[in-house]
Amino acid sequence: VAPWVVALVWSVGGLGMGIAYSPTSMVALSEAPPGGQGAASSAVQLTDVLGSACSTGIAGAVVAAAATTAGGRRDALVVVFALMTVAAVAAVAIARRFPPDPPAAVRPAPPSPRA
């Protein structure tokens, strides 16, 4: 594979992760009750780590299983990418079920910082 293709693909992947991670943390922290930001932040971090660990483990198991069968590494990676695509589409479908944000006039005002 040409180095420029690798750089392009990793750049697109990094951009997608950067776009996804920041809003998730910001939403969790903005929706947390006062004093509960630590619990919300830890919950976001835990789900990020568990998601990465589980998907890496599943992908590794599929590739390892392919090494012991007639299927090759290329076939195993096709299966891995297909599984992860299905998981991503399912996540988007689930996320669309969340209720829309309330209008700004209905949202409670954030607490004022005390000096």
C-alpha atoms as a PDB file:
ATOM      1  CA  VAL A   1       0.000   0.000   0.000  1.00  0.00           C
ATOM      2  CA  ALA A   2       1.324   3.415  -0.918  1.00  0.00           C
ATOM      3  CA  PRO A   3       2.391   5.579   2.041  1.00  0.00           C
ATOM      4  CA  TRP A   4       0.140   8.448   0.955  1.00  0.00           C
ATOM      5  CA  VAL A   5      -2.882   6.105   1.071  1.00  0.00           C
ATOM      6  CA  VAL A   6      -1.979   5.032   4.600  1.00  0.00           C
ATOM      7  CA  ALA A   7      -1.567   8.668   5.681  1.00  0.00           C
ATOM      8  CA  LEU A   8      -4.891   9.639   4.120  1.00  0.00           C
ATOM      9  CA  VAL A   9      -6.801   6.756   5.713  1.00  0.00           C
ATOM     10  CA  TRP A  10      -5.308   7.384   9.169  1.00  0.00           C
ATOM     11  CA  SER A  11      -6.057  11.103   8.842  1.00  0.00           C
ATOM     12  CA  VAL A  12      -9.715  10.430   8.048  1.00  0.00           C
ATOM     13  CA  GLY A  13      -9.931   7.971  10.957  1.00  0.00           C
ATOM     14  CA  GLY A  14      -8.313  10.454  13.340  1.00  0.00           C
ATOM     15  CA  LEU A  15     -10.638  13.212  12.210  1.00  0.00           C
ATOM     16  CA  GLY A  16     -13.670  11.011  12.850  1.00  0.00           C
ATOM     17  CA  MET A  17     -12.472  10.099  16.339  1.00  0.00           C
ATOM     18  CA  GLY A  18     -11.727  13.727  17.147  1.00  0.00           C
ATOM     19  CA  ILE A  19     -15.163  14.821  16.022  1.00  0.00           C
ATOM     20  CA  ALA A  20     -16.905  12.069  18.006  1.00  0.00           C
ATOM     21  CA  TYR A  21     -15.051  12.191  21.329  1.00  0.00           C
ATOM     22  CA  SER A  22     -15.326  15.884  22.162  1.00  0.00           C
ATOM     23  CA  PRO A  23     -19.115  16.211  21.796  1.00  0.00           C
ATOM     24  CA  THR A  24     -19.685  13.055  23.826  1.00  0.00           C
ATOM     25  CA  SER A  25     -17.741  14.402  26.782  1.00  0.00           C
ATOM     26  CA  MET A  26     -19.279  17.855  26.505  1.00  0.00           C
ATOM     27  CA  VAL A  27     -22.839  16.497  26.419  1.00  0.00           C
ATOM     28  CA  ALA A  28     -22.209  14.205  29.377  1.00  0.00           C
ATOM     29  CA  LEU A  29     -20.709  17.000  31.444  1.00  0.00           C
ATOM     30  CA  SER A  30     -23.353  19.569  30.499  1.00  0.00           C
ATOM     31  CA  GLU A  31     -26.192  17.175  31.374  1.00  0.00           C
ATOM     32  CA  ALA A  32     -24.649  16.076  34.673  1.00  0.00           C
ATOM     33  CA  PRO A  33     -26.201  17.486  37.834  1.00  0.00           C
ATOM     34  CA  PRO A  34     -24.089  19.928  39.826  1.00  0.00           C
ATOM     35  CA  GLY A  35     -21.495  17.939  41.700  1.00  0.00           C
ATOM     36  CA  GLY A  36     -21.958  14.913  39.430  1.00  0.00           C
ATOM     37  CA  GLN A  37     -19.470  15.907  36.741  1.00  0.00           C
ATOM     38  CA  GLY A  38     -16.854  13.508  38.084  1.00  0.00           C
ATOM     39  CA  ALA A  39     -19.206  10.542  37.837  1.00  0.00           C
ATOM     40  CA  ALA A  40     -20.294  11.600  34.337  1.00  0.00           C
ATOM     41  CA  SER A  41     -16.704  12.032  33.201  1.00  0.00           C
ATOM     42  CA  SER A  42     -15.691   8.637  34.581  1.00  0.00           C
ATOM     43  CA  ALA A  43     -18.699   6.985  32.919  1.00  0.00           C
ATOM     44  CA  VAL A  44     -17.699   8.446  29.546  1.00  0.00           C
ATOM     45  CA  GLN A  45     -14.099   7.300  29.986  1.00  0.00           C
ATOM     46  CA  LEU A  46     -15.201   3.817  31.079  1.00  0.00           C
ATOM     47  CA  THR A  47     -17.464   3.336  28.077  1.00  0.00           C
ATOM     48  CA  ASP A  48     -14.724   4.586  25.738  1.00  0.00           C
ATOM     49  CA  VAL A  49     -12.207   2.127  27.162  1.00  0.00           C
ATOM     50  CA  LEU A  50     -14.656  -0.793  27.284  1.00  0.00           C
ATOM     51  CA  GLY A  51     -15.768  -0.145  23.708  1.00  0.00           C
ATOM     52  CA  SER A  52     -12.189  -0.095  22.477  1.00  0.00           C
ATOM     53  CA  ALA A  53     -11.197  -3.173  24.466  1.00  0.00           C
ATOM     54  CA  CYS A  54     -14.232  -5.223  23.427  1.00  0.00           C
ATOM     55  CA  SER A  55     -13.987  -4.338  19.749  1.00  0.00           C
ATOM     56  CA  THR A  56     -10.248  -5.027  19.729  1.00  0.00           C
ATOM     57  CA  GLY A  57     -10.829  -8.364  21.453  1.00  0.00           C
ATOM     58  CA  ILE A  58     -13.545  -9.384  19.004  1.00  0.00           C
ATOM     59  CA  ALA A  59     -11.404  -8.373  16.037  1.00  0.00           C
ATOM     60  CA  GLY A  60      -8.405 -10.253  17.429  1.00  0.00           C
ATOM     61  CA  ALA A  61     -10.475 -13.376  18.029  1.00  0.00           C
ATOM     62  CA  VAL A  62     -11.792 -13.318  14.454  1.00  0.00           C
ATOM     63  CA  VAL A  63      -8.314 -12.880  12.985  1.00  0.00           C
ATOM     64  CA  ALA A  64      -6.878 -15.593  15.266  1.00  0.00           C
ATOM     65  CA  ALA A  65      -9.682 -17.981  14.330  1.00  0.00           C
ATOM     66  CA  ALA A  66      -8.968 -17.367  10.650  1.00  0.00           C
ATOM     67  CA  ALA A  67      -5.347 -18.371  11.176  1.00  0.00           C
ATOM     68  CA  THR A  68      -6.451 -21.828  12.354  1.00  0.00           C
ATOM     69  CA  THR A  69      -8.964 -22.394   9.548  1.00  0.00           C
ATOM     70  CA  ALA A  70      -8.824 -22.367   5.767  1.00  0.00           C
ATOM     71  CA  GLY A  71      -9.691 -18.657   5.689  1.00  0.00           C
ATOM     72  CA  GLY A  72      -6.840 -16.216   5.336  1.00  0.00           C
ATOM     73  CA  ARG A  73      -5.996 -13.009   7.099  1.00  0.00           C
ATOM     74  CA  ARG A  74      -7.577 -10.949   4.321  1.00  0.00           C
ATOM     75  CA  ASP A  75     -10.909 -12.778   4.717  1.00  0.00           C
ATOM     76  CA  ALA A  76     -10.745 -12.334   8.489  1.00  0.00           C
ATOM     77  CA  LEU A  77     -10.183  -8.600   8.140  1.00  0.00           C
ATOM     78  CA  VAL A  78     -13.142  -8.341   5.757  1.00  0.00           C
ATOM     79  CA  VAL A  79     -15.288 -10.031   8.410  1.00  0.00           C
ATOM     80  CA  VAL A  80     -13.919  -7.695  11.114  1.00  0.00           C
ATOM     81  CA  PHE A  81     -14.644  -4.576   9.065  1.00  0.00           C
ATOM     82  CA  ALA A  82     -18.130  -5.869   8.255  1.00  0.00           C
ATOM     83  CA  LEU A  83     -18.853  -6.533  11.953  1.00  0.00           C
ATOM     84  CA  MET A  84     -17.619  -3.098  12.986  1.00  0.00           C
ATOM     85  CA  THR A  85     -19.657  -1.441  10.227  1.00  0.00           C
ATOM     86  CA  VAL A  86     -22.777  -3.220  11.466  1.00  0.00           C
ATOM     87  CA  ALA A  87     -21.987  -2.060  15.017  1.00  0.00           C
ATOM     88  CA  ALA A  88     -21.545   1.541  13.831  1.00  0.00           C
ATOM     89  CA  VAL A  89     -24.819   1.521  11.886  1.00  0.00           C
ATOM     90  CA  ALA A  90     -26.612   0.058  14.916  1.00  0.00           C
ATOM     91  CA  ALA A  91     -25.137   2.770  17.157  1.00  0.00           C
ATOM     92  CA  VAL A  92     -26.352   5.500  14.797  1.00  0.00           C
ATOM     93  CA  ALA A  93     -29.826   3.931  14.678  1.00  0.00           C
ATOM     94  CA  ILE A  94     -29.968   3.768  18.479  1.00  0.00           C
ATOM     95  CA  ALA A  95     -28.692   7.333  18.860  1.00  0.00           C
ATOM     96  CA  ARG A  96     -31.429   8.640  16.578  1.00  0.00           C
ATOM     97  CA  ARG A  97     -34.002   7.372  19.089  1.00  0.00           C
ATOM     98  CA  PHE A  98     -32.864   9.920  21.698  1.00  0.00           C
ATOM     99  CA  PRO A  99     -35.263  12.813  22.159  1.00  0.00           C
ATOM    100  CA  PRO A 100     -34.279  16.105  20.554  1.00  0.00           C
ATOM    101  CA  ASP A 101     -32.709  18.854  22.651  1.00  0.00           C
ATOM    102  CA  PRO A 102     -35.223  21.138  24.319  1.00  0.00           C
ATOM    103  CA  PRO A 103     -35.378  24.710  23.056  1.00  0.00           C
ATOM    104  CA  ALA A 104     -32.958  27.124  24.715  1.00  0.00           C
ATOM    105  CA  ALA A 105     -35.805  28.942  26.497  1.00  0.00           C
ATOM    106  CA  VAL A 106     -36.818  25.741  28.321  1.00  0.00           C
ATOM    107  CA  ARG A 107     -33.346  24.715  29.458  1.00  0.00           C
ATOM    108  CA  PRO A 108     -32.451  25.615  33.024  1.00  0.00           C
ATOM    109  CA  ALA A 109     -29.779  28.264  33.326  1.00  0.00           C
ATOM    110  CA  PRO A 110     -26.372  26.953  34.377  1.00  0.00           C
ATOM    111  CA  PRO A 111     -25.400  27.837  37.953  1.00  0.00           C
ATOM    112  CA  SER A 112     -23.382  31.027  38.226  1.00  0.00           C
ATOM    113  CA  PRO A 113     -19.796  30.565  39.377  1.00  0.00           C
ATOM    114  CA  ARG A 114     -19.160  31.714  42.890  1.00  0.00           C
ATOM    115  CA  ALA A 115     -16.181  33.949  43.456  1.00  0.00           C
END
